Amino acid sequence: MLRALATLATLATLALVALEASAEPWLDAAVSKSHKKRDPIAKKYGQWIPETHMWRKRLDYRLAQVRRIESSQERWDAAMNLAVSGLLVKNFTSVGYEVVKTPRHVHEKLNATLVAGFDRQRTEHKVDQISGEVAGFVDLGRLANEIMADLKPMHEEWSSTKLRASNAYGLRIYRPGNTLTMHTDKLETHVISAIVHVDRDAEPWPIVIEGYDGRSVEVDLQPGEMLFYESAKCIHGRPRPLEGKWYTSLFVHYRPVDWSLRMEDARALAEKWWGSEGFHVPDDGAFDRLQLTGTGYYEPDCEHRWCDLPGVDHGDAERRAAARGEL
């Protein structure tokens, strides 16, 4: 398994240039014709991390959206989020996510716990990023620490980093109509993570995630699969509503052993933006409108409140960008 992961990581690195060349052509058109015409606010505070071409394009576009948010509180929260994902947290892998098989013994333990506890599930506390009915929850008890220990070597191999376990959260049982706002996870503790899909009685319900190749993809995990992802850096969520009866996963989070970053570090970066002359500009219609709920993003004018989904027509974004010419 670990050798396979290393091979896949190598292939991903070799493919990165090719992916960038074809990733999201609407985004390349929407931001600018060359990096020489980058937004002066973005340019002033250095390059986005990592410095891949389409990741820069994507974050330049998001910064333009953030600057046009009408609510000052939402604009501040969005600036903080962007400082974390774009400038503060380094990348540990070439793309930021990968789907792998859950070890059989781990999946069997989790599935047995789900079956045993399903009819006695409790209601989870209200999570501001989950819309609709409050999710259900089956507690793992001591099994949580066991699972974190079992999966830690795989996360270390994938990220090429020595890790410290933060927490294993679940089993969360999503309910019909639930959506999950696009967001990043807790900076202090949720750095290298996995969504471990256990089982479902529902139609495919993909996770949307943005990678460093500039692509926004939908990942339909199957029971017995898990998604490695850099959770404090790669924006992710489930904008489409759950169709079916239920869907359950475990969330496993780690941080590097020498990790010391805090939100105070992000605040210092965001304050530089905030204090720049002309940071806030009126919404001129050139970029898809962005808003926040809590710490999660949504785009209210697009289907499922997120514009960059398969099947969404980007023609209007291209038309507005062409009219503008550059940021």
C-alpha atoms as a PDB file:
ATOM      1  CA  MET A   1       0.000   0.000   0.000  1.00  0.00           C
ATOM      2  CA  LEU A   2       2.714   2.482   1.020  1.00  0.00           C
ATOM      3  CA  ARG A   3       4.823   1.702  -2.059  1.00  0.00           C
ATOM      4  CA  ALA A   4       1.728   2.215  -4.212  1.00  0.00           C
ATOM      5  CA  LEU A   5       1.118   5.605  -2.616  1.00  0.00           C
ATOM      6  CA  ALA A   6       4.702   6.668  -3.292  1.00  0.00           C
ATOM      7  CA  THR A   7       4.358   5.603  -6.939  1.00  0.00           C
ATOM      8  CA  LEU A   8       1.110   7.514  -7.315  1.00  0.00           C
ATOM      9  CA  ALA A   9       2.681  10.619  -5.783  1.00  0.00           C
ATOM     10  CA  THR A  10       5.538  10.424  -8.286  1.00  0.00           C
ATOM     11  CA  LEU A  11       3.121  10.068 -11.200  1.00  0.00           C
ATOM     12  CA  ALA A  12       1.098  13.011  -9.922  1.00  0.00           C
ATOM     13  CA  THR A  13       4.230  15.159  -9.851  1.00  0.00           C
ATOM     14  CA  LEU A  14       5.151  14.183 -13.417  1.00  0.00           C
ATOM     15  CA  ALA A  15       1.613  14.935 -14.622  1.00  0.00           C
ATOM     16  CA  LEU A  16       1.282  18.308 -12.902  1.00  0.00           C
ATOM     17  CA  VAL A  17       2.551  20.422 -15.801  1.00  0.00           C
ATOM     18  CA  ALA A  18       0.176  18.706 -18.235  1.00  0.00           C
ATOM     19  CA  LEU A  19      -2.745  19.155 -15.878  1.00  0.00           C
ATOM     20  CA  GLU A  20      -2.033  22.838 -15.450  1.00  0.00           C
ATOM     21  CA  ALA A  21      -2.026  23.370 -19.185  1.00  0.00           C
ATOM     22  CA  SER A  22      -5.611  22.140 -19.515  1.00  0.00           C
ATOM     23  CA  ALA A  23      -7.131  22.895 -16.110  1.00  0.00           C
ATOM     24  CA  GLU A  24     -10.143  25.201 -15.977  1.00  0.00           C
ATOM     25  CA  PRO A  25      -9.682  27.314 -19.154  1.00  0.00           C
ATOM     26  CA  TRP A  26     -12.504  29.604 -17.965  1.00  0.00           C
ATOM     27  CA  LEU A  27     -10.408  30.444 -14.892  1.00  0.00           C
ATOM     28  CA  ASP A  28      -7.333  31.286 -16.955  1.00  0.00           C
ATOM     29  CA  ALA A  29      -9.448  33.658 -19.058  1.00  0.00           C
ATOM     30  CA  ALA A  30     -11.268  35.108 -16.083  1.00  0.00           C
ATOM     31  CA  VAL A  31      -8.240  36.311 -14.164  1.00  0.00           C
ATOM     32  CA  SER A  32      -5.797  37.838 -16.623  1.00  0.00           C
ATOM     33  CA  LYS A  33      -3.884  37.242 -19.818  1.00  0.00           C
ATOM     34  CA  SER A  34      -0.519  37.150 -18.071  1.00  0.00           C
ATOM     35  CA  HIS A  35       0.975  37.212 -14.607  1.00  0.00           C
ATOM     36  CA  LYS A  36       2.309  40.675 -15.357  1.00  0.00           C
ATOM     37  CA  LYS A  37      -1.249  41.920 -14.922  1.00  0.00           C
ATOM     38  CA  ARG A  38      -1.880  40.387 -11.498  1.00  0.00           C
ATOM     39  CA  ASP A  39      -3.924  42.271  -8.948  1.00  0.00           C
ATOM     40  CA  PRO A  40      -1.564  44.744  -7.211  1.00  0.00           C
ATOM     41  CA  ILE A  41      -2.944  43.670  -3.818  1.00  0.00           C
ATOM     42  CA  ALA A  42      -2.005  40.051  -4.558  1.00  0.00           C
ATOM     43  CA  LYS A  43       1.344  41.045  -6.056  1.00  0.00           C
ATOM     44  CA  LYS A  44       2.311  43.239  -3.109  1.00  0.00           C
ATOM     45  CA  TYR A  45       2.403  40.404  -0.590  1.00  0.00           C
ATOM     46  CA  GLY A  46       4.255  37.788  -2.595  1.00  0.00           C
ATOM     47  CA  GLN A  47       3.365  34.585  -4.383  1.00  0.00           C
ATOM     48  CA  TRP A  48       0.722  32.099  -3.400  1.00  0.00           C
ATOM     49  CA  ILE A  49       1.962  28.777  -1.998  1.00  0.00           C
ATOM     50  CA  PRO A  50       2.605  26.626  -4.020  1.00  0.00           C
ATOM     51  CA  GLU A  51       3.646  28.665  -7.028  1.00  0.00           C
ATOM     52  CA  THR A  52       1.897  26.520  -9.619  1.00  0.00           C
ATOM     53  CA  HIS A  53       0.427  28.519 -12.475  1.00  0.00           C
ATOM     54  CA  MET A  54      -3.251  27.600 -12.112  1.00  0.00           C
ATOM     55  CA  TRP A  55      -3.243  27.638  -8.300  1.00  0.00           C
ATOM     56  CA  ARG A  56      -2.088  31.264  -8.541  1.00  0.00           C
ATOM     57  CA  LYS A  57      -4.829  31.954 -11.058  1.00  0.00           C
ATOM     58  CA  ARG A  58      -7.458  30.399  -8.802  1.00  0.00           C
ATOM     59  CA  LEU A  59      -6.386  32.334  -5.709  1.00  0.00           C
ATOM     60  CA  ASP A  60      -6.031  35.578  -7.654  1.00  0.00           C
ATOM     61  CA  TYR A  61      -9.644  35.078  -8.735  1.00  0.00           C
ATOM     62  CA  ARG A  62     -10.766  34.370  -5.163  1.00  0.00           C
ATOM     63  CA  LEU A  63      -8.945  37.425  -3.838  1.00  0.00           C
ATOM     64  CA  ALA A  64     -10.808  39.533  -6.414  1.00  0.00           C
ATOM     65  CA  GLN A  65     -14.052  38.012  -5.117  1.00  0.00           C
ATOM     66  CA  VAL A  66     -13.084  38.683  -1.483  1.00  0.00           C
ATOM     67  CA  ARG A  67     -12.319  42.337  -2.201  1.00  0.00           C
ATOM     68  CA  ARG A  68     -15.849  42.757  -3.582  1.00  0.00           C
ATOM     69  CA  ILE A  69     -17.711  41.279  -0.586  1.00  0.00           C
ATOM     70  CA  GLU A  70     -20.105  43.933   0.700  1.00  0.00           C
ATOM     71  CA  SER A  71     -20.246  42.879   4.363  1.00  0.00           C
ATOM     72  CA  SER A  72     -17.091  44.040   6.168  1.00  0.00           C
ATOM     73  CA  GLN A  73     -17.277  41.111   8.625  1.00  0.00           C
ATOM     74  CA  GLU A  74     -17.595  38.546   5.840  1.00  0.00           C
ATOM     75  CA  ARG A  75     -14.823  40.284   3.898  1.00  0.00           C
ATOM     76  CA  TRP A  76     -12.531  40.118   6.944  1.00  0.00           C
ATOM     77  CA  ASP A  77     -13.317  36.434   7.582  1.00  0.00           C
ATOM     78  CA  ALA A  78     -12.687  35.643   3.916  1.00  0.00           C
ATOM     79  CA  ALA A  79      -9.367  37.518   3.988  1.00  0.00           C
ATOM     80  CA  MET A  80      -8.332  35.454   7.018  1.00  0.00           C
ATOM     81  CA  ASN A  81      -9.285  32.212   5.258  1.00  0.00           C
ATOM     82  CA  LEU A  82      -7.389  33.188   2.140  1.00  0.00           C
ATOM     83  CA  ALA A  83      -4.301  34.187   4.113  1.00  0.00           C
ATOM     84  CA  VAL A  84      -4.278  30.713   5.690  1.00  0.00           C
ATOM     85  CA  SER A  85      -4.749  28.677   2.524  1.00  0.00           C
ATOM     86  CA  GLY A  86      -2.770  30.886   0.159  1.00  0.00           C
ATOM     87  CA  LEU A  87       0.141  32.383   2.083  1.00  0.00           C
ATOM     88  CA  LEU A  88       0.569  30.766   5.493  1.00  0.00           C
ATOM     89  CA  VAL A  89       0.273  26.994   5.133  1.00  0.00           C
ATOM     90  CA  LYS A  90       2.784  25.228   2.906  1.00  0.00           C
ATOM     91  CA  ASN A  91       1.779  22.357   0.654  1.00  0.00           C
ATOM     92  CA  PHE A  92       2.914  18.842   1.537  1.00  0.00           C
ATOM     93  CA  THR A  93       1.954  17.122  -1.731  1.00  0.00           C
ATOM     94  CA  SER A  94       1.871  18.065  -5.406  1.00  0.00           C
ATOM     95  CA  VAL A  95      -1.922  18.205  -5.823  1.00  0.00           C
ATOM     96  CA  GLY A  96      -3.345  18.297  -2.282  1.00  0.00           C
ATOM     97  CA  TYR A  97      -5.571  15.210  -2.239  1.00  0.00           C
ATOM     98  CA  GLU A  98      -5.724  11.535  -3.241  1.00  0.00           C
ATOM     99  CA  VAL A  99      -8.222   8.676  -3.055  1.00  0.00           C
ATOM    100  CA  VAL A 100      -6.984   5.365  -1.595  1.00  0.00           C
ATOM    101  CA  LYS A 101      -8.482   2.165  -0.248  1.00  0.00           C
ATOM    102  CA  THR A 102      -9.187   2.060   3.465  1.00  0.00           C
ATOM    103  CA  PRO A 103      -7.311  -0.846   5.070  1.00  0.00           C
ATOM    104  CA  ARG A 104      -9.721  -3.778   5.278  1.00  0.00           C
ATOM    105  CA  HIS A 105      -9.424  -4.220   9.052  1.00  0.00           C
ATOM    106  CA  VAL A 106     -10.118  -0.508   9.618  1.00  0.00           C
ATOM    107  CA  HIS A 107     -13.183  -0.527   7.372  1.00  0.00           C
ATOM    108  CA  GLU A 108     -14.521  -3.674   9.055  1.00  0.00           C
ATOM    109  CA  LYS A 109     -14.184  -2.149  12.537  1.00  0.00           C
ATOM    110  CA  LEU A 110     -15.919   1.058  11.473  1.00  0.00           C
ATOM    111  CA  ASN A 111     -18.698  -0.746   9.638  1.00  0.00           C
ATOM    112  CA  ALA A 112     -19.358  -3.024  12.632  1.00  0.00           C
ATOM    113  CA  THR A 113     -19.563   0.034  14.903  1.00  0.00           C
ATOM    114  CA  LEU A 114     -21.983   1.715  12.496  1.00  0.00           C
ATOM    115  CA  VAL A 115     -24.255  -1.334  12.315  1.00  0.00           C
ATOM    116  CA  ALA A 116     -24.234  -1.796  16.091  1.00  0.00           C
ATOM    117  CA  GLY A 117     -24.963   1.842  16.841  1.00  0.00           C
ATOM    118  CA  PHE A 118     -27.142   2.950  13.931  1.00  0.00           C
ATOM    119  CA  ASP A 119     -30.505   2.487  15.638  1.00  0.00           C
ATOM    120  CA  ARG A 120     -29.202   4.220  18.784  1.00  0.00           C
ATOM    121  CA  GLN A 121     -27.518   7.132  17.010  1.00  0.00           C
ATOM    122  CA  ARG A 122     -27.681  10.498  18.720  1.00  0.00           C
ATOM    123  CA  THR A 123     -28.169  13.898  17.117  1.00  0.00           C
ATOM    124  CA  GLU A 124     -24.940  15.790  16.443  1.00  0.00           C
ATOM    125  CA  HIS A 125     -24.610  19.373  17.682  1.00  0.00           C
ATOM    126  CA  LYS A 126     -25.539  22.000  15.109  1.00  0.00           C
ATOM    127  CA  VAL A 127     -22.673  22.578  12.641  1.00  0.00           C
ATOM    128  CA  ASP A 128     -22.932  25.934  10.864  1.00  0.00           C
ATOM    129  CA  GLN A 129     -21.483  24.546   7.629  1.00  0.00           C
ATOM    130  CA  ILE A 130     -24.147  21.823   7.301  1.00  0.00           C
ATOM    131  CA  SER A 131     -27.494  22.952   5.922  1.00  0.00           C
ATOM    132  CA  GLY A 132     -30.808  21.240   6.563  1.00  0.00           C
ATOM    133  CA  GLU A 133     -31.554  18.658   9.225  1.00  0.00           C
ATOM    134  CA  VAL A 134     -28.975  18.212  11.996  1.00  0.00           C
ATOM    135  CA  ALA A 135     -26.797  15.169  11.271  1.00  0.00           C
ATOM    136  CA  GLY A 136     -26.838  11.972  13.285  1.00  0.00           C
ATOM    137  CA  PHE A 137     -23.828  10.613  15.139  1.00  0.00           C
ATOM    138  CA  VAL A 138     -22.465   7.258  16.298  1.00  0.00           C
ATOM    139  CA  ASP A 139     -19.672   7.621  18.856  1.00  0.00           C
ATOM    140  CA  LEU A 140     -16.519   5.527  18.420  1.00  0.00           C
ATOM    141  CA  GLY A 141     -15.281   5.670  22.001  1.00  0.00           C
ATOM    142  CA  ARG A 142     -11.846   4.083  22.402  1.00  0.00           C
ATOM    143  CA  LEU A 143     -11.899   2.915  18.801  1.00  0.00           C
ATOM    144  CA  ALA A 144     -11.139   6.496  17.706  1.00  0.00           C
ATOM    145  CA  ASN A 145      -7.584   6.378  19.102  1.00  0.00           C
ATOM    146  CA  GLU A 146      -7.074   2.909  17.660  1.00  0.00           C
ATOM    147  CA  ILE A 147      -8.104   4.064  14.186  1.00  0.00           C
ATOM    148  CA  MET A 148      -5.840   7.128  14.356  1.00  0.00           C
ATOM    149  CA  ALA A 149      -2.901   4.901  15.250  1.00  0.00           C
ATOM    150  CA  ASP A 150      -3.748   2.435  12.471  1.00  0.00           C
ATOM    151  CA  LEU A 151      -3.940   5.136   9.799  1.00  0.00           C
ATOM    152  CA  LYS A 152      -1.081   7.373  10.934  1.00  0.00           C
ATOM    153  CA  PRO A 153       1.693   5.607   8.925  1.00  0.00           C
ATOM    154  CA  MET A 154      -0.325   5.955   5.714  1.00  0.00           C
ATOM    155  CA  HIS A 155      -0.823   9.685   6.312  1.00  0.00           C
ATOM    156  CA  GLU A 156       2.882  10.126   7.056  1.00  0.00           C
ATOM    157  CA  GLU A 157       3.848   8.278   3.876  1.00  0.00           C
ATOM    158  CA  TRP A 158       1.429  10.322   1.780  1.00  0.00           C
ATOM    159  CA  SER A 159       2.531  13.683   3.194  1.00  0.00           C
ATOM    160  CA  SER A 160       6.253  12.794   3.626  1.00  0.00           C
ATOM    161  CA  THR A 161       5.938  14.272   7.125  1.00  0.00           C
ATOM    162  CA  LYS A 162       6.120  12.975  10.689  1.00  0.00           C
ATOM    163  CA  LEU A 163       2.720  13.556  12.233  1.00  0.00           C
ATOM    164  CA  ARG A 164       0.987  13.876  15.575  1.00  0.00           C
ATOM    165  CA  ALA A 165      -2.607  12.658  15.909  1.00  0.00           C
ATOM    166  CA  SER A 166      -5.182  15.412  16.511  1.00  0.00           C
ATOM    167  CA  ASN A 167      -8.560  13.690  16.518  1.00  0.00           C
ATOM    168  CA  ALA A 168     -10.887  11.211  14.840  1.00  0.00           C
ATOM    169  CA  TYR A 169     -14.391  12.658  14.546  1.00  0.00           C
ATOM    170  CA  GLY A 170     -17.396  10.492  13.789  1.00  0.00           C
ATOM    171  CA  LEU A 171     -19.212   8.623  12.740  1.00  0.00           C
ATOM    172  CA  ARG A 172     -21.277  11.484  11.318  1.00  0.00           C
ATOM    173  CA  ILE A 173     -24.481  10.389   9.586  1.00  0.00           C
ATOM    174  CA  TYR A 174     -25.635  12.953   7.043  1.00  0.00           C
ATOM    175  CA  ARG A 175     -29.356  13.128   6.346  1.00  0.00           C
ATOM    176  CA  PRO A 176     -31.517  13.835   3.262  1.00  0.00           C
ATOM    177  CA  GLY A 177     -31.023  17.298   1.808  1.00  0.00           C
ATOM    178  CA  ASN A 178     -27.836  18.048   3.756  1.00  0.00           C
ATOM    179  CA  THR A 179     -25.157  20.151   2.054  1.00  0.00           C
ATOM    180  CA  LEU A 180     -21.728  21.113   3.353  1.00  0.00           C
ATOM    181  CA  THR A 181     -20.417  24.617   2.634  1.00  0.00           C
ATOM    182  CA  MET A 182     -17.030  24.948   0.933  1.00  0.00           C
ATOM    183  CA  HIS A 183     -14.411  25.528   3.636  1.00  0.00           C
ATOM    184  CA  THR A 184     -10.993  24.709   5.025  1.00  0.00           C
ATOM    185  CA  ASP A 185     -10.397  23.034   8.389  1.00  0.00           C
ATOM    186  CA  LYS A 186      -8.897  24.158  11.684  1.00  0.00           C
ATOM    187  CA  LEU A 187      -5.403  25.573  11.165  1.00  0.00           C
ATOM    188  CA  GLU A 188      -3.984  24.529  14.514  1.00  0.00           C
ATOM    189  CA  THR A 189      -4.857  20.821  14.348  1.00  0.00           C
ATOM    190  CA  HIS A 190      -6.414  19.738  11.023  1.00  0.00           C
ATOM    191  CA  VAL A 191      -3.503  19.818   8.570  1.00  0.00           C
ATOM    192  CA  ILE A 192      -3.138  16.333   7.064  1.00  0.00           C
ATOM    193  CA  SER A 193      -6.478  14.542   7.101  1.00  0.00           C
ATOM    194  CA  ALA A 194      -8.702  11.853   5.630  1.00  0.00           C
ATOM    195  CA  ILE A 195     -12.408  11.443   5.025  1.00  0.00           C
ATOM    196  CA  VAL A 196     -13.032   7.731   5.591  1.00  0.00           C
ATOM    197  CA  HIS A 197     -16.282   6.704   3.905  1.00  0.00           C
ATOM    198  CA  VAL A 198     -17.970   3.823   5.720  1.00  0.00           C
ATOM    199  CA  ASP A 199     -21.359   3.242   4.093  1.00  0.00           C
ATOM    200  CA  ARG A 200     -24.453   4.911   2.661  1.00  0.00           C
ATOM    201  CA  ASP A 201     -28.015   4.446   1.540  1.00  0.00           C
ATOM    202  CA  ALA A 202     -28.019   7.295  -0.963  1.00  0.00           C
ATOM    203  CA  GLU A 203     -27.226   8.373  -4.476  1.00  0.00           C
ATOM    204  CA  PRO A 204     -23.587   9.332  -5.183  1.00  0.00           C
ATOM    205  CA  TRP A 205     -22.785  12.398  -3.077  1.00  0.00           C
ATOM    206  CA  PRO A 206     -19.418  13.773  -4.190  1.00  0.00           C
ATOM    207  CA  ILE A 207     -16.941  15.856  -2.247  1.00  0.00           C
ATOM    208  CA  VAL A 208     -15.820  18.942  -4.167  1.00  0.00           C
ATOM    209  CA  ILE A 209     -12.168  19.840  -3.610  1.00  0.00           C
ATOM    210  CA  GLU A 210      -9.721  22.301  -5.194  1.00  0.00           C
ATOM    211  CA  GLY A 211      -6.175  21.142  -5.907  1.00  0.00           C
ATOM    212  CA  TYR A 212      -2.887  22.874  -6.592  1.00  0.00           C
ATOM    213  CA  ASP A 213      -3.254  22.056 -10.303  1.00  0.00           C
ATOM    214  CA  GLY A 214      -6.063  24.624 -10.412  1.00  0.00           C
ATOM    215  CA  ARG A 215      -8.772  22.018 -10.908  1.00  0.00           C
ATOM    216  CA  SER A 216     -11.974  21.764  -8.920  1.00  0.00           C
ATOM    217  CA  VAL A 217     -13.044  18.110  -8.898  1.00  0.00           C
ATOM    218  CA  GLU A 218     -15.909  16.037  -7.528  1.00  0.00           C
ATOM    219  CA  VAL A 219     -14.794  12.888  -5.708  1.00  0.00           C
ATOM    220  CA  ASP A 220     -17.396  10.149  -5.249  1.00  0.00           C
ATOM    221  CA  LEU A 221     -15.937   7.965  -2.512  1.00  0.00           C
ATOM    222  CA  GLN A 222     -17.122   4.371  -2.360  1.00  0.00           C
ATOM    223  CA  PRO A 223     -17.602   2.510   0.937  1.00  0.00           C
ATOM    224  CA  GLY A 224     -14.147   1.280   1.900  1.00  0.00           C
ATOM    225  CA  GLU A 225     -12.342   4.245   0.323  1.00  0.00           C
ATOM    226  CA  MET A 226     -10.873   7.337   1.905  1.00  0.00           C
ATOM    227  CA  LEU A 227      -9.744  10.731   0.677  1.00  0.00           C
ATOM    228  CA  PHE A 228      -6.372  12.017   1.852  1.00  0.00           C
ATOM    229  CA  TYR A 229      -6.421  15.807   1.744  1.00  0.00           C
ATOM    230  CA  GLU A 230      -4.534  18.840   3.035  1.00  0.00           C
ATOM    231  CA  SER A 231      -7.494  20.031   5.025  1.00  0.00           C
ATOM    232  CA  ALA A 232      -6.263  23.392   6.342  1.00  0.00           C
ATOM    233  CA  LYS A 233      -5.292  24.450   2.812  1.00  0.00           C
ATOM    234  CA  CYS A 234      -7.501  22.849   0.133  1.00  0.00           C
ATOM    235  CA  ILE A 235     -11.048  24.213   0.089  1.00  0.00           C
ATOM    236  CA  HIS A 236     -13.608  21.396   0.128  1.00  0.00           C
ATOM    237  CA  GLY A 237     -17.292  20.734   0.712  1.00  0.00           C
ATOM    238  CA  ARG A 238     -20.460  19.113  -0.634  1.00  0.00           C
ATOM    239  CA  PRO A 239     -22.539  21.807  -2.369  1.00  0.00           C
ATOM    240  CA  ARG A 240     -25.009  19.362  -3.909  1.00  0.00           C
ATOM    241  CA  PRO A 241     -27.820  18.185  -1.573  1.00  0.00           C
ATOM    242  CA  LEU A 242     -27.776  14.585  -0.363  1.00  0.00           C
ATOM    243  CA  GLU A 243     -30.344  12.491  -2.236  1.00  0.00           C
ATOM    244  CA  GLY A 244     -31.234   9.335  -0.354  1.00  0.00           C
ATOM    245  CA  LYS A 245     -31.589   8.230   3.267  1.00  0.00           C
ATOM    246  CA  TRP A 246     -28.160   8.582   4.887  1.00  0.00           C
ATOM    247  CA  TYR A 247     -24.390   8.804   4.292  1.00  0.00           C
ATOM    248  CA  THR A 248     -21.695   8.275   6.921  1.00  0.00           C
ATOM    249  CA  SER A 249     -17.989   9.011   7.225  1.00  0.00           C
ATOM    250  CA  LEU A 250     -15.215   9.337   9.776  1.00  0.00           C
ATOM    251  CA  PHE A 251     -12.896  12.378   9.745  1.00  0.00           C
ATOM    252  CA  VAL A 252      -9.295  11.735  10.837  1.00  0.00           C
ATOM    253  CA  HIS A 253      -6.952  14.665  11.448  1.00  0.00           C
ATOM    254  CA  TYR A 254      -3.209  14.987  12.074  1.00  0.00           C
ATOM    255  CA  ARG A 255      -0.667  17.802  12.292  1.00  0.00           C
ATOM    256  CA  PRO A 256       3.122  17.819  11.784  1.00  0.00           C
ATOM    257  CA  VAL A 257       5.042  17.122  14.999  1.00  0.00           C
ATOM    258  CA  ASP A 258       6.661  20.575  14.862  1.00  0.00           C
ATOM    259  CA  TRP A 259       3.464  22.437  13.861  1.00  0.00           C
ATOM    260  CA  SER A 260       3.142  25.869  15.508  1.00  0.00           C
ATOM    261  CA  LEU A 261       0.945  27.960  13.194  1.00  0.00           C
ATOM    262  CA  ARG A 262      -2.037  29.735  14.764  1.00  0.00           C
ATOM    263  CA  MET A 263      -4.817  32.006  13.532  1.00  0.00           C
ATOM    264  CA  GLU A 264      -2.902  34.944  15.009  1.00  0.00           C
ATOM    265  CA  ASP A 265      -0.347  34.363  12.230  1.00  0.00           C
ATOM    266  CA  ALA A 266      -3.112  34.583   9.634  1.00  0.00           C
ATOM    267  CA  ARG A 267      -4.441  37.735  11.272  1.00  0.00           C
ATOM    268  CA  ALA A 268      -1.089  39.474  10.778  1.00  0.00           C
ATOM    269  CA  LEU A 269      -1.191  38.698   7.049  1.00  0.00           C
ATOM    270  CA  ALA A 270      -4.844  39.667   6.637  1.00  0.00           C
ATOM    271  CA  GLU A 271      -4.263  42.972   8.403  1.00  0.00           C
ATOM    272  CA  LYS A 272      -1.690  43.899   5.740  1.00  0.00           C
ATOM    273  CA  TRP A 273      -4.324  43.388   3.058  1.00  0.00           C
ATOM    274  CA  TRP A 274      -6.999  45.087   5.096  1.00  0.00           C
ATOM    275  CA  GLY A 275      -4.865  48.167   5.615  1.00  0.00           C
ATOM    276  CA  SER A 276      -3.934  48.493   1.940  1.00  0.00           C
ATOM    277  CA  GLU A 277      -5.445  51.449   0.142  1.00  0.00           C
ATOM    278  CA  GLY A 278      -8.243  50.307  -2.119  1.00  0.00           C
ATOM    279  CA  PHE A 279      -8.549  46.784  -0.696  1.00  0.00           C
ATOM    280  CA  HIS A 280     -12.322  46.977  -0.763  1.00  0.00           C
ATOM    281  CA  VAL A 281     -13.765  47.725  -4.182  1.00  0.00           C
ATOM    282  CA  PRO A 282     -17.419  47.859  -5.267  1.00  0.00           C
ATOM    283  CA  ASP A 283     -18.874  44.770  -6.892  1.00  0.00           C
ATOM    284  CA  ASP A 284     -18.611  45.511 -10.608  1.00  0.00           C
ATOM    285  CA  GLY A 285     -20.081  42.201 -11.768  1.00  0.00           C
ATOM    286  CA  ALA A 286     -16.781  40.995 -13.244  1.00  0.00           C
ATOM    287  CA  PHE A 287     -16.429  38.097 -10.812  1.00  0.00           C
ATOM    288  CA  ASP A 288     -18.862  35.566  -9.373  1.00  0.00           C
ATOM    289  CA  ARG A 289     -20.295  36.963  -6.150  1.00  0.00           C
ATOM    290  CA  LEU A 290     -18.848  35.374  -2.991  1.00  0.00           C
ATOM    291  CA  GLN A 291     -20.343  35.309   0.509  1.00  0.00           C
ATOM    292  CA  LEU A 292     -19.601  33.577   3.809  1.00  0.00           C
ATOM    293  CA  THR A 293     -21.608  31.729   6.414  1.00  0.00           C
ATOM    294  CA  GLY A 294     -19.478  31.203   9.484  1.00  0.00           C
ATOM    295  CA  THR A 295     -16.095  30.351   7.966  1.00  0.00           C
ATOM    296  CA  GLY A 296     -17.504  28.690   4.829  1.00  0.00           C
ATOM    297  CA  TYR A 297     -17.769  30.108   1.324  1.00  0.00           C
ATOM    298  CA  TYR A 298     -20.770  30.089  -0.985  1.00  0.00           C
ATOM    299  CA  GLU A 299     -21.609  31.751  -4.306  1.00  0.00           C
ATOM    300  CA  PRO A 300     -25.292  32.724  -4.119  1.00  0.00           C
ATOM    301  CA  ASP A 301     -25.870  33.339  -7.821  1.00  0.00           C
ATOM    302  CA  CYS A 302     -24.890  29.838  -8.986  1.00  0.00           C
ATOM    303  CA  GLU A 303     -26.683  26.506  -8.889  1.00  0.00           C
ATOM    304  CA  HIS A 304     -26.053  24.710  -5.584  1.00  0.00           C
ATOM    305  CA  ARG A 305     -24.411  27.950  -4.419  1.00  0.00           C
ATOM    306  CA  TRP A 306     -21.059  27.041  -6.010  1.00  0.00           C
ATOM    307  CA  CYS A 307     -20.110  28.043  -9.538  1.00  0.00           C
ATOM    308  CA  ASP A 308     -17.238  25.692 -10.302  1.00  0.00           C
ATOM    309  CA  LEU A 309     -19.153  22.402 -10.581  1.00  0.00           C
ATOM    310  CA  PRO A 310     -19.327  20.032 -13.566  1.00  0.00           C
ATOM    311  CA  GLY A 311     -22.223  21.004 -15.779  1.00  0.00           C
ATOM    312  CA  VAL A 312     -22.173  24.658 -14.747  1.00  0.00           C
ATOM    313  CA  ASP A 313     -21.985  27.040 -17.705  1.00  0.00           C
ATOM    314  CA  HIS A 314     -18.906  29.244 -17.374  1.00  0.00           C
ATOM    315  CA  GLY A 315     -19.776  31.342 -20.398  1.00  0.00           C
ATOM    316  CA  ASP A 316     -21.054  34.210 -18.292  1.00  0.00           C
ATOM    317  CA  ALA A 317     -17.860  34.286 -16.217  1.00  0.00           C
ATOM    318  CA  GLU A 318     -15.800  34.340 -19.413  1.00  0.00           C
ATOM    319  CA  ARG A 319     -17.941  37.128 -20.857  1.00  0.00           C
ATOM    320  CA  ARG A 320     -17.506  39.288 -17.751  1.00  0.00           C
ATOM    321  CA  ALA A 321     -13.758  38.600 -17.645  1.00  0.00           C
ATOM    322  CA  ALA A 322     -13.375  39.442 -21.328  1.00  0.00           C
ATOM    323  CA  ALA A 323     -15.171  42.708 -20.765  1.00  0.00           C
ATOM    324  CA  ARG A 324     -12.815  43.508 -17.905  1.00  0.00           C
ATOM    325  CA  GLY A 325      -9.599  42.330 -19.589  1.00  0.00           C
ATOM    326  CA  GLU A 326      -7.637  41.978 -16.373  1.00  0.00           C
ATOM    327  CA  LEU A 327      -8.029  42.258 -12.612  1.00  0.00           C
END
